[in-house]
Amino acid sequence: MPLVESADQGLSPGPLPFPASASSRKEKKKQAKEERDRLKQAEKKKRRLEKALATAAAIRSELEQKKQRRKEEERLLDEEGAALAEAVALQVGDTYSIIHLMHNFNSC
């Protein structure tokens, strides 16, 4: 290896021979490939996370719709129950009135 004179160190090795710079290019290519692979993996992860978020949002929406339907069904059942209770009360009241009238009629 040729020695080159340097101002602060005296004699030092000269420029690297050709095979070393080829190795440097290979290393740069390898680093660039690793960077591309890393970015590709990051994009895949981002897409997976976005898909998971969309799925979670769809599930939450579906659950909220089911909850609203359940509340509506409960309200309808409450209304039907109240209507039945009112009808029974009216029927009992009518029956009581008829019995009372018959009792009064028989008393006369």
PDB file of N, CA and C in Angstrom:
ATOM      1  N   MET A   1       0.851  -1.167   0.000  1.00  0.00           N
ATOM      2  CA  MET A   1       0.000   0.000   0.000  1.00  0.00           C
ATOM      3  C   MET A   1       0.896   1.230   0.000  1.00  0.00           C
ATOM      4  N   PRO A   2       0.636   2.188  -0.901  1.00  0.00           N
ATOM      5  CA  PRO A   2       1.520   3.360  -0.973  1.00  0.00           C
ATOM      6  C   PRO A   2       1.306   4.266   0.233  1.00  0.00           C
ATOM      7  N   LEU A   3       2.384   4.862   0.682  1.00  0.00           N
ATOM      8  CA  LEU A   3       2.291   5.788   1.809  1.00  0.00           C
ATOM      9  C   LEU A   3       2.259   7.208   1.276  1.00  0.00           C
ATOM     10  N   VAL A   4       1.356   8.011   1.864  1.00  0.00           N
ATOM     11  CA  VAL A   4       1.214   9.403   1.456  1.00  0.00           C
ATOM     12  C   VAL A   4       1.569  10.258   2.649  1.00  0.00           C
ATOM     13  N   GLU A   5       2.297  11.353   2.388  1.00  0.00           N
ATOM     14  CA  GLU A   5       2.729  12.213   3.481  1.00  0.00           C
ATOM     15  C   GLU A   5       1.599  13.165   3.864  1.00  0.00           C
ATOM     16  N   SER A   6       1.353  13.241   5.170  1.00  0.00           N
ATOM     17  CA  SER A   6       0.297  14.104   5.687  1.00  0.00           C
ATOM     18  C   SER A   6       0.944  15.153   6.574  1.00  0.00           C
ATOM     19  N   ALA A   7       0.347  16.362   6.644  1.00  0.00           N
ATOM     20  CA  ALA A   7       0.933  17.461   7.403  1.00  0.00           C
ATOM     21  C   ALA A   7       0.919  17.177   8.894  1.00  0.00           C
ATOM     22  N   ASP A   8      -0.149  16.591   9.432  1.00  0.00           N
ATOM     23  CA  ASP A   8      -0.230  16.410  10.878  1.00  0.00           C
ATOM     24  C   ASP A   8       0.206  15.021  11.345  1.00  0.00           C
ATOM     25  N   GLN A   9       0.245  14.005  10.487  1.00  0.00           N
ATOM     26  CA  GLN A   9       0.570  12.667  10.952  1.00  0.00           C
ATOM     27  C   GLN A   9       1.860  12.112  10.366  1.00  0.00           C
ATOM     28  N   GLY A  10       2.401  12.739   9.458  1.00  0.00           N
ATOM     29  CA  GLY A  10       3.581  12.185   8.824  1.00  0.00           C
ATOM     30  C   GLY A  10       3.142  11.275   7.696  1.00  0.00           C
ATOM     31  N   LEU A  11       3.636  10.044   7.672  1.00  0.00           N
ATOM     32  CA  LEU A  11       3.279   9.099   6.621  1.00  0.00           C
ATOM     33  C   LEU A  11       2.013   8.338   7.025  1.00  0.00           C
ATOM     34  N   SER A  12       1.054   8.221   6.058  1.00  0.00           N
ATOM     35  CA  SER A  12      -0.169   7.458   6.315  1.00  0.00           C
ATOM     36  C   SER A  12      -0.527   6.697   5.057  1.00  0.00           C
ATOM     37  N   PRO A  13      -1.373   5.680   5.168  1.00  0.00           N
ATOM     38  CA  PRO A  13      -1.749   4.919   3.974  1.00  0.00           C
ATOM     39  C   PRO A  13      -2.428   5.827   2.957  1.00  0.00           C
ATOM     40  N   GLY A  14      -2.254   5.541   1.703  1.00  0.00           N
ATOM     41  CA  GLY A  14      -2.844   6.335   0.624  1.00  0.00           C
ATOM     42  C   GLY A  14      -4.321   6.016   0.444  1.00  0.00           C
ATOM     43  N   PRO A  15      -4.892   6.483  -0.649  1.00  0.00           N
ATOM     44  CA  PRO A  15      -6.306   6.228  -0.913  1.00  0.00           C
ATOM     45  C   PRO A  15      -6.567   4.726  -0.963  1.00  0.00           C
ATOM     46  N   LEU A  16      -7.797   4.341  -0.614  1.00  0.00           N
ATOM     47  CA  LEU A  16      -8.148   2.919  -0.586  1.00  0.00           C
ATOM     48  C   LEU A  16      -8.110   2.351  -1.995  1.00  0.00           C
ATOM     49  N   PRO A  17      -7.689   1.130  -2.119  1.00  0.00           N
ATOM     50  CA  PRO A  17      -7.663   0.521  -3.452  1.00  0.00           C
ATOM     51  C   PRO A  17      -9.075   0.265  -3.964  1.00  0.00           C
ATOM     52  N   PHE A  18      -9.238  -0.042  -5.226  1.00  0.00           N
ATOM     53  CA  PHE A  18     -10.525  -0.197  -5.912  1.00  0.00           C
ATOM     54  C   PHE A  18     -11.468  -1.170  -5.201  1.00  0.00           C
ATOM     55  N   PRO A  19     -11.029  -2.357  -4.791  1.00  0.00           N
ATOM     56  CA  PRO A  19     -11.964  -3.294  -4.155  1.00  0.00           C
ATOM     57  C   PRO A  19     -12.623  -2.722  -2.901  1.00  0.00           C
ATOM     58  N   ALA A  20     -11.942  -1.892  -2.143  1.00  0.00           N
ATOM     59  CA  ALA A  20     -12.527  -1.308  -0.942  1.00  0.00           C
ATOM     60  C   ALA A  20     -13.655  -0.357  -1.301  1.00  0.00           C
ATOM     61  N   SER A  21     -13.518   0.428  -2.374  1.00  0.00           N
ATOM     62  CA  SER A  21     -14.588   1.341  -2.751  1.00  0.00           C
ATOM     63  C   SER A  21     -15.773   0.567  -3.320  1.00  0.00           C
ATOM     64  N   ALA A  22     -15.522  -0.561  -3.953  1.00  0.00           N
ATOM     65  CA  ALA A  22     -16.615  -1.410  -4.428  1.00  0.00           C
ATOM     66  C   ALA A  22     -17.384  -1.938  -3.222  1.00  0.00           C
ATOM     67  N   SER A  23     -16.666  -2.277  -2.188  1.00  0.00           N
ATOM     68  CA  SER A  23     -17.288  -2.739  -0.949  1.00  0.00           C
ATOM     69  C   SER A  23     -18.121  -1.621  -0.337  1.00  0.00           C
ATOM     70  N   SER A  24     -17.605  -0.398  -0.450  1.00  0.00           N
ATOM     71  CA  SER A  24     -18.347   0.759   0.066  1.00  0.00           C
ATOM     72  C   SER A  24     -19.662   0.926  -0.698  1.00  0.00           C
ATOM     73  N   ARG A  25     -19.615   0.745  -2.016  1.00  0.00           N
ATOM     74  CA  ARG A  25     -20.836   0.853  -2.826  1.00  0.00           C
ATOM     75  C   ARG A  25     -21.820  -0.247  -2.454  1.00  0.00           C
ATOM     76  N   LYS A  26     -21.284  -1.444  -2.229  1.00  0.00           N
ATOM     77  CA  LYS A  26     -22.147  -2.554  -1.833  1.00  0.00           C
ATOM     78  C   LYS A  26     -22.824  -2.250  -0.491  1.00  0.00           C
ATOM     79  N   GLU A  27     -22.045  -1.677   0.403  1.00  0.00           N
ATOM     80  CA  GLU A  27     -22.582  -1.336   1.721  1.00  0.00           C
ATOM     81  C   GLU A  27     -23.690  -0.283   1.595  1.00  0.00           C
ATOM     82  N   LYS A  28     -23.460   0.710   0.736  1.00  0.00           N
ATOM     83  CA  LYS A  28     -24.484   1.750   0.522  1.00  0.00           C
ATOM     84  C   LYS A  28     -25.743   1.151  -0.090  1.00  0.00           C
ATOM     85  N   LYS A  29     -25.557   0.224  -1.054  1.00  0.00           N
ATOM     86  CA  LYS A  29     -26.710  -0.442  -1.663  1.00  0.00           C
ATOM     87  C   LYS A  29     -27.471  -1.259  -0.626  1.00  0.00           C
ATOM     88  N   LYS A  30     -26.694  -1.937   0.221  1.00  0.00           N
ATOM     89  CA  LYS A  30     -27.306  -2.750   1.270  1.00  0.00           C
ATOM     90  C   LYS A  30     -28.101  -1.863   2.233  1.00  0.00           C
ATOM     91  N   GLN A  31     -27.513  -0.733   2.611  1.00  0.00           N
ATOM     92  CA  GLN A  31     -28.211   0.192   3.511  1.00  0.00           C
ATOM     93  C   GLN A  31     -29.468   0.756   2.855  1.00  0.00           C
ATOM     94  N   ALA A  32     -29.379   1.082   1.574  1.00  0.00           N
ATOM     95  CA  ALA A  32     -30.543   1.606   0.853  1.00  0.00           C
ATOM     96  C   ALA A  32     -31.639   0.551   0.788  1.00  0.00           C
ATOM     97  N   LYS A  33     -31.262  -0.710   0.525  1.00  0.00           N
ATOM     98  CA  LYS A  33     -32.233  -1.804   0.474  1.00  0.00           C
ATOM     99  C   LYS A  33     -32.881  -1.992   1.842  1.00  0.00           C
ATOM    100  N   GLU A  34     -32.066  -1.964   2.895  1.00  0.00           N
ATOM    101  CA  GLU A  34     -32.604  -2.115   4.249  1.00  0.00           C
ATOM    102  C   GLU A  34     -33.581  -0.991   4.575  1.00  0.00           C
ATOM    103  N   GLU A  35     -33.238   0.219   4.140  1.00  0.00           N
ATOM    104  CA  GLU A  35     -34.130   1.369   4.366  1.00  0.00           C
ATOM    105  C   GLU A  35     -35.450   1.187   3.610  1.00  0.00           C
ATOM    106  N   ARG A  36     -35.372   0.728   2.343  1.00  0.00           N
ATOM    107  CA  ARG A  36     -36.596   0.469   1.565  1.00  0.00           C
ATOM    108  C   ARG A  36     -37.443  -0.611   2.240  1.00  0.00           C
ATOM    109  N   ASP A  37     -36.785  -1.674   2.707  1.00  0.00           N
ATOM    110  CA  ASP A  37     -37.498  -2.758   3.388  1.00  0.00           C
ATOM    111  C   ASP A  37     -38.158  -2.257   4.670  1.00  0.00           C
ATOM    112  N   ARG A  38     -37.429  -1.415   5.400  1.00  0.00           N
ATOM    113  CA  ARG A  38     -37.973  -0.859   6.641  1.00  0.00           C
ATOM    114  C   ARG A  38     -39.204  -0.002   6.348  1.00  0.00           C
ATOM    115  N   LEU A  39     -39.115   0.826   5.304  1.00  0.00           N
ATOM    116  CA  LEU A  39     -40.255   1.669   4.922  1.00  0.00           C
ATOM    117  C   LEU A  39     -41.442   0.822   4.464  1.00  0.00           C
ATOM    118  N   LYS A  40     -41.137  -0.241   3.716  1.00  0.00           N
ATOM    119  CA  LYS A  40     -42.203  -1.135   3.247  1.00  0.00           C
ATOM    120  C   LYS A  40     -42.901  -1.784   4.445  1.00  0.00           C
ATOM    121  N   GLN A  41     -42.116  -2.238   5.412  1.00  0.00           N
ATOM    122  CA  GLN A  41     -42.692  -2.842   6.616  1.00  0.00           C
ATOM    123  C   GLN A  41     -43.525  -1.829   7.400  1.00  0.00           C
ATOM    124  N   ALA A  42     -43.039  -0.598   7.474  1.00  0.00           N
ATOM    125  CA  ALA A  42     -43.784   0.455   8.176  1.00  0.00           C
ATOM    126  C   ALA A  42     -45.112   0.726   7.475  1.00  0.00           C
ATOM    127  N   GLU A  43     -45.111   0.728   6.142  1.00  0.00           N
ATOM    128  CA  GLU A  43     -46.356   0.930   5.383  1.00  0.00           C
ATOM    129  C   GLU A  43     -47.331  -0.214   5.623  1.00  0.00           C
ATOM    130  N   LYS A  44     -46.820  -1.443   5.636  1.00  0.00           N
ATOM    131  CA  LYS A  44     -47.685  -2.605   5.908  1.00  0.00           C
ATOM    132  C   LYS A  44     -48.313  -2.491   7.290  1.00  0.00           C
ATOM    133  N   LYS A  45     -47.496  -2.107   8.253  1.00  0.00           N
ATOM    134  CA  LYS A  45     -47.992  -1.965   9.625  1.00  0.00           C
ATOM    135  C   LYS A  45     -49.047  -0.865   9.687  1.00  0.00           C
ATOM    136  N   LYS A  46     -48.797   0.231   8.997  1.00  0.00           N
ATOM    137  CA  LYS A  46     -49.756   1.346   8.965  1.00  0.00           C
ATOM    138  C   LYS A  46     -51.080   0.889   8.362  1.00  0.00           C
ATOM    139  N   ARG A  47     -51.027   0.138   7.255  1.00  0.00           N
ATOM    140  CA  ARG A  47     -52.253  -0.367   6.616  1.00  0.00           C
ATOM    141  C   ARG A  47     -52.999  -1.318   7.548  1.00  0.00           C
ATOM    142  N   ARG A  48     -52.253  -2.196   8.239  1.00  0.00           N
ATOM    143  CA  ARG A  48     -52.896  -3.118   9.188  1.00  0.00           C
ATOM    144  C   ARG A  48     -53.595  -2.357  10.304  1.00  0.00           C
ATOM    145  N   LEU A  49     -52.925  -1.334  10.831  1.00  0.00           N
ATOM    146  CA  LEU A  49     -53.519  -0.539  11.908  1.00  0.00           C
ATOM    147  C   LEU A  49     -54.749   0.221  11.420  1.00  0.00           C
ATOM    148  N   GLU A  50     -54.676   0.785  10.214  1.00  0.00           N
ATOM    149  CA  GLU A  50     -55.828   1.502   9.661  1.00  0.00           C
ATOM    150  C   GLU A  50     -57.011   0.552   9.474  1.00  0.00           C
ATOM    151  N   LYS A  51     -56.719  -0.658   8.993  1.00  0.00           N
ATOM    152  CA  LYS A  51     -57.772  -1.655   8.802  1.00  0.00           C
ATOM    153  C   LYS A  51     -58.373  -2.039  10.156  1.00  0.00           C
ATOM    154  N   ALA A  52     -57.537  -2.222  11.160  1.00  0.00           N
ATOM    155  CA  ALA A  52     -58.025  -2.578  12.496  1.00  0.00           C
ATOM    156  C   ALA A  52     -58.891  -1.457  13.066  1.00  0.00           C
ATOM    157  N   LEU A  53     -58.478  -0.217  12.854  1.00  0.00           N
ATOM    158  CA  LEU A  53     -59.274   0.916  13.334  1.00  0.00           C
ATOM    159  C   LEU A  53     -60.627   0.978  12.634  1.00  0.00           C
ATOM    160  N   ALA A  54     -60.629   0.743  11.333  1.00  0.00           N
ATOM    161  CA  ALA A  54     -61.887   0.759  10.573  1.00  0.00           C
ATOM    162  C   ALA A  54     -62.800  -0.367  11.047  1.00  0.00           C
ATOM    163  N   THR A  55     -62.237  -1.528  11.297  1.00  0.00           N
ATOM    164  CA  THR A  55     -63.024  -2.662  11.790  1.00  0.00           C
ATOM    165  C   THR A  55     -63.611  -2.345  13.166  1.00  0.00           C
ATOM    166  N   ALA A  56     -62.798  -1.781  14.027  1.00  0.00           N
ATOM    167  CA  ALA A  56     -63.276  -1.425  15.369  1.00  0.00           C
ATOM    168  C   ALA A  56     -64.395  -0.383  15.288  1.00  0.00           C
ATOM    169  N   ALA A  57     -64.256   0.590  14.412  1.00  0.00           N
ATOM    170  CA  ALA A  57     -65.287   1.610  14.252  1.00  0.00           C
ATOM    171  C   ALA A  57     -66.586   0.987  13.733  1.00  0.00           C
ATOM    172  N   ALA A  58     -66.477   0.052  12.809  1.00  0.00           N
ATOM    173  CA  ALA A  58     -67.666  -0.619  12.277  1.00  0.00           C
ATOM    174  C   ALA A  58     -68.358  -1.437  13.366  1.00  0.00           C
ATOM    175  N   ILE A  59     -67.574  -2.106  14.187  1.00  0.00           N
ATOM    176  CA  ILE A  59     -68.145  -2.898  15.284  1.00  0.00           C
ATOM    177  C   ILE A  59     -68.840  -1.989  16.284  1.00  0.00           C
ATOM    178  N   ARG A  60     -68.191  -0.865  16.638  1.00  0.00           N
ATOM    179  CA  ARG A  60     -68.819   0.082  17.576  1.00  0.00           C
ATOM    180  C   ARG A  60     -70.129   0.614  17.013  1.00  0.00           C
ATOM    181  N   SER A  61     -70.135   0.935  15.731  1.00  0.00           N
ATOM    182  CA  SER A  61     -71.335   1.450  15.085  1.00  0.00           C
ATOM    183  C   SER A  61     -72.455   0.414  15.118  1.00  0.00           C
ATOM    184  N   GLU A  62     -72.112  -0.822  14.808  1.00  0.00           N
ATOM    185  CA  GLU A  62     -73.108  -1.899  14.814  1.00  0.00           C
ATOM    186  C   GLU A  62     -73.671  -2.111  16.218  1.00  0.00           C
ATOM    187  N   LEU A  63     -72.795  -2.082  17.224  1.00  0.00           N
ATOM    188  CA  LEU A  63     -73.256  -2.239  18.607  1.00  0.00           C
ATOM    189  C   LEU A  63     -74.168  -1.085  19.025  1.00  0.00           C
ATOM    190  N   GLU A  64     -73.833   0.113  18.599  1.00  0.00           N
ATOM    191  CA  GLU A  64     -74.670   1.283  18.922  1.00  0.00           C
ATOM    192  C   GLU A  64     -76.045   1.144  18.268  1.00  0.00           C
ATOM    193  N   GLN A  65     -76.087   0.660  17.020  1.00  0.00           N
ATOM    194  CA  GLN A  65     -77.369   0.464  16.343  1.00  0.00           C
ATOM    195  C   GLN A  65     -78.202  -0.592  17.065  1.00  0.00           C
ATOM    196  N   LYS A  66     -77.561  -1.684  17.494  1.00  0.00           N
ATOM    197  CA  LYS A  66     -78.281  -2.722  18.238  1.00  0.00           C
ATOM    198  C   LYS A  66     -78.823  -2.164  19.542  1.00  0.00           C
ATOM    199  N   LYS A  67     -78.030  -1.330  20.194  1.00  0.00           N
ATOM    200  CA  LYS A  67     -78.456  -0.719  21.456  1.00  0.00           C
ATOM    201  C   LYS A  67     -79.675   0.171  21.224  1.00  0.00           C
ATOM    202  N   GLN A  68     -79.669   0.945  20.147  1.00  0.00           N
ATOM    203  CA  GLN A  68     -80.812   1.810  19.828  1.00  0.00           C
ATOM    204  C   GLN A  68     -82.051   0.974  19.520  1.00  0.00           C
ATOM    205  N   ARG A  69     -81.882  -0.109  18.757  1.00  0.00           N
ATOM    206  CA  ARG A  69     -83.028  -0.991  18.456  1.00  0.00           C
ATOM    207  C   ARG A  69     -83.589  -1.599  19.731  1.00  0.00           C
ATOM    208  N   ARG A  70     -82.708  -2.026  20.628  1.00  0.00           N
ATOM    209  CA  ARG A  70     -83.132  -2.619  21.892  1.00  0.00           C
ATOM    210  C   ARG A  70     -83.914  -1.606  22.727  1.00  0.00           C
ATOM    211  N   LYS A  71     -83.435  -0.362  22.760  1.00  0.00           N
ATOM    212  CA  LYS A  71     -84.151   0.687  23.501  1.00  0.00           C
ATOM    213  C   LYS A  71     -85.526   0.928  22.901  1.00  0.00           C
ATOM    214  N   GLU A  72     -85.617   0.941  21.557  1.00  0.00           N
ATOM    215  CA  GLU A  72     -86.887   1.155  20.882  1.00  0.00           C
ATOM    216  C   GLU A  72     -87.848   0.002  21.170  1.00  0.00           C
ATOM    217  N   GLU A  73     -87.347  -1.241  21.120  1.00  0.00           N
ATOM    218  CA  GLU A  73     -88.190  -2.398  21.430  1.00  0.00           C
ATOM    219  C   GLU A  73     -88.684  -2.327  22.871  1.00  0.00           C
ATOM    220  N   GLU A  74     -87.808  -1.932  23.769  1.00  0.00           N
ATOM    221  CA  GLU A  74     -88.184  -1.810  25.186  1.00  0.00           C
ATOM    222  C   GLU A  74     -89.267  -0.745  25.356  1.00  0.00           C
ATOM    223  N   ARG A  75     -89.130   0.366  24.656  1.00  0.00           N
ATOM    224  CA  ARG A  75     -90.128   1.429  24.745  1.00  0.00           C
ATOM    225  C   ARG A  75     -91.480   0.941  24.232  1.00  0.00           C
ATOM    226  N   LEU A  76     -91.449   0.209  23.101  1.00  0.00           N
ATOM    227  CA  LEU A  76     -92.699  -0.332  22.545  1.00  0.00           C
ATOM    228  C   LEU A  76     -93.344  -1.330  23.503  1.00  0.00           C
ATOM    229  N   LEU A  77     -92.528  -2.195  24.108  1.00  0.00           N
ATOM    230  CA  LEU A  77     -93.067  -3.151  25.077  1.00  0.00           C
ATOM    231  C   LEU A  77     -93.661  -2.434  26.283  1.00  0.00           C
ATOM    232  N   ASP A  78     -93.018  -1.380  26.737  1.00  0.00           N
ATOM    233  CA  ASP A  78     -93.556  -0.594  27.859  1.00  0.00           C
ATOM    234  C   ASP A  78     -94.901   0.020  27.488  1.00  0.00           C
ATOM    235  N   GLU A  79     -94.990   0.543  26.262  1.00  0.00           N
ATOM    236  CA  GLU A  79     -96.258   1.133  25.812  1.00  0.00           C
ATOM    237  C   GLU A  79     -97.345   0.069  25.723  1.00  0.00           C
ATOM    238  N   GLU A  80     -97.002  -1.093  25.161  1.00  0.00           N
ATOM    239  CA  GLU A  80     -97.975  -2.183  25.059  1.00  0.00           C
ATOM    240  C   GLU A  80     -98.420  -2.643  26.449  1.00  0.00           C
ATOM    241  N   GLY A  81     -97.479  -2.762  27.370  1.00  0.00           N
ATOM    242  CA  GLY A  81     -97.800  -3.161  28.748  1.00  0.00           C
ATOM    243  C   GLY A  81     -98.730  -2.155  29.415  1.00  0.00           C
ATOM    244  N   ALA A  82     -98.441  -0.878  29.192  1.00  0.00           N
ATOM    245  CA  ALA A  82     -99.286   0.165  29.782  1.00  0.00           C
ATOM    246  C   ALA A  82    -100.687   0.107  29.182  1.00  0.00           C
ATOM    247  N   ALA A  83    -100.781  -0.123  27.878  1.00  0.00           N
ATOM    248  CA  ALA A  83    -102.087  -0.215  27.221  1.00  0.00           C
ATOM    249  C   ALA A  83    -102.860  -1.423  27.741  1.00  0.00           C
ATOM    250  N   LEU A  84    -102.190  -2.554  27.916  1.00  0.00           N
ATOM    251  CA  LEU A  84    -102.841  -3.746  28.470  1.00  0.00           C
ATOM    252  C   LEU A  84    -103.310  -3.501  29.898  1.00  0.00           C
ATOM    253  N   ALA A  85    -102.467  -2.874  30.693  1.00  0.00           N
ATOM    254  CA  ALA A  85    -102.838  -2.587  32.078  1.00  0.00           C
ATOM    255  C   ALA A  85    -104.053  -1.665  32.118  1.00  0.00           C
ATOM    256  N   GLU A  86    -104.091  -0.689  31.239  1.00  0.00           N
ATOM    257  CA  GLU A  86    -105.233   0.222  31.182  1.00  0.00           C
ATOM    258  C   GLU A  86    -106.495  -0.529  30.764  1.00  0.00           C
ATOM    259  N   ALA A  87    -106.365  -1.410  29.767  1.00  0.00           N
ATOM    260  CA  ALA A  87    -107.522  -2.185  29.306  1.00  0.00           C
ATOM    261  C   ALA A  87    -108.034  -3.090  30.412  1.00  0.00           C
ATOM    262  N   VAL A  88    -107.134  -3.721  31.144  1.00  0.00           N
ATOM    263  CA  VAL A  88    -107.537  -4.592  32.258  1.00  0.00           C
ATOM    264  C   VAL A  88    -108.219  -3.767  33.333  1.00  0.00           C
ATOM    265  N   ALA A  89    -107.648  -2.612  33.631  1.00  0.00           N
ATOM    266  CA  ALA A  89    -108.260  -1.757  34.652  1.00  0.00           C
ATOM    267  C   ALA A  89    -109.662  -1.322  34.230  1.00  0.00           C
ATOM    268  N   LEU A  90    -109.834  -0.966  32.970  1.00  0.00           N
ATOM    269  CA  LEU A  90    -111.160  -0.583  32.471  1.00  0.00           C
ATOM    270  C   LEU A  90    -112.116  -1.764  32.543  1.00  0.00           C
ATOM    271  N   GLN A  91    -111.642  -2.942  32.169  1.00  0.00           N
ATOM    272  CA  GLN A  91    -112.487  -4.147  32.201  1.00  0.00           C
ATOM    273  C   GLN A  91    -112.901  -4.462  33.629  1.00  0.00           C
ATOM    274  N   VAL A  92    -111.953  -4.399  34.545  1.00  0.00           N
ATOM    275  CA  VAL A  92    -112.256  -4.658  35.960  1.00  0.00           C
ATOM    276  C   VAL A  92    -113.234  -3.609  36.461  1.00  0.00           C
ATOM    277  N   GLY A  93    -113.000  -2.359  36.084  1.00  0.00           N
ATOM    278  CA  GLY A  93    -113.906  -1.281  36.504  1.00  0.00           C
ATOM    279  C   GLY A  93    -115.305  -1.499  35.959  1.00  0.00           C
ATOM    280  N   ASP A  94    -115.412  -1.892  34.675  1.00  0.00           N
ATOM    281  CA  ASP A  94    -116.718  -2.165  34.074  1.00  0.00           C
ATOM    282  C   ASP A  94    -117.386  -3.345  34.768  1.00  0.00           C
ATOM    283  N   THR A  95    -116.618  -4.387  35.048  1.00  0.00           N
ATOM    284  CA  THR A  95    -117.160  -5.556  35.719  1.00  0.00           C
ATOM    285  C   THR A  95    -117.661  -5.182  37.108  1.00  0.00           C
ATOM    286  N   TYR A  96    -116.893  -4.392  37.802  1.00  0.00           N
ATOM    287  CA  TYR A  96    -117.282  -3.959  39.139  1.00  0.00           C
ATOM    288  C   TYR A  96    -118.565  -3.136  39.065  1.00  0.00           C
ATOM    289  N   SER A  97    -118.654  -2.253  38.065  1.00  0.00           N
ATOM    290  CA  SER A  97    -119.850  -1.428  37.912  1.00  0.00           C
ATOM    291  C   SER A  97    -121.078  -2.289  37.626  1.00  0.00           C
ATOM    292  N   ILE A  98    -120.920  -3.286  36.780  1.00  0.00           N
ATOM    293  CA  ILE A  98    -122.047  -4.168  36.449  1.00  0.00           C
ATOM    294  C   ILE A  98    -122.482  -4.939  37.693  1.00  0.00           C
ATOM    295  N   ILE A  99    -121.506  -5.465  38.443  1.00  0.00           N
ATOM    296  CA  ILE A  99    -121.847  -6.205  39.669  1.00  0.00           C
ATOM    297  C   ILE A  99    -122.551  -5.279  40.650  1.00  0.00           C
ATOM    298  N   HIS A 100    -122.072  -4.077  40.778  1.00  0.00           N
ATOM    299  CA  HIS A 100    -122.666  -3.105  41.702  1.00  0.00           C
ATOM    300  C   HIS A 100    -124.094  -2.766  41.273  1.00  0.00           C
ATOM    301  N   LEU A 101    -124.305  -2.563  39.959  1.00  0.00           N
ATOM    302  CA  LEU A 101    -125.650  -2.266  39.457  1.00  0.00           C
ATOM    303  C   LEU A 101    -126.591  -3.441  39.696  1.00  0.00           C
ATOM    304  N   MET A 102    -126.104  -4.643  39.432  1.00  0.00           N
ATOM    305  CA  MET A 102    -126.940  -5.821  39.642  1.00  0.00           C
ATOM    306  C   MET A 102    -127.277  -5.976  41.119  1.00  0.00           C
ATOM    307  N   HIS A 103    -126.323  -5.697  41.974  1.00  0.00           N
ATOM    308  CA  HIS A 103    -126.557  -5.791  43.402  1.00  0.00           C
ATOM    309  C   HIS A 103    -127.619  -4.780  43.822  1.00  0.00           C
ATOM    310  N   ASN A 104    -127.494  -3.574  43.308  1.00  0.00           N
ATOM    311  CA  ASN A 104    -128.481  -2.536  43.622  1.00  0.00           C
ATOM    312  C   ASN A 104    -129.847  -2.914  43.068  1.00  0.00           C
ATOM    313  N   PHE A 105    -129.885  -3.493  41.876  1.00  0.00           N
ATOM    314  CA  PHE A 105    -131.148  -3.855  41.245  1.00  0.00           C
ATOM    315  C   PHE A 105    -131.836  -4.976  42.040  1.00  0.00           C
ATOM    316  N   ASN A 106    -131.040  -5.907  42.506  1.00  0.00           N
ATOM    317  CA  ASN A 106    -131.597  -7.023  43.288  1.00  0.00           C
ATOM    318  C   ASN A 106    -132.029  -6.552  44.678  1.00  0.00           C
ATOM    319  N   SER A 107    -131.470  -5.496  45.171  1.00  0.00           N
ATOM    320  CA  SER A 107    -131.802  -4.984  46.485  1.00  0.00           C
ATOM    321  C   SER A 107    -133.156  -4.275  46.463  1.00  0.00           C
ATOM    322  N   CYS A 108    -133.539  -3.772  45.370  1.00  0.00           N
ATOM    323  CA  CYS A 108    -134.779  -3.031  45.295  1.00  0.00           C
ATOM    324  C   CYS A 108    -135.977  -3.859  45.375  1.00  0.00           C
TER     325      CYS A 108
END
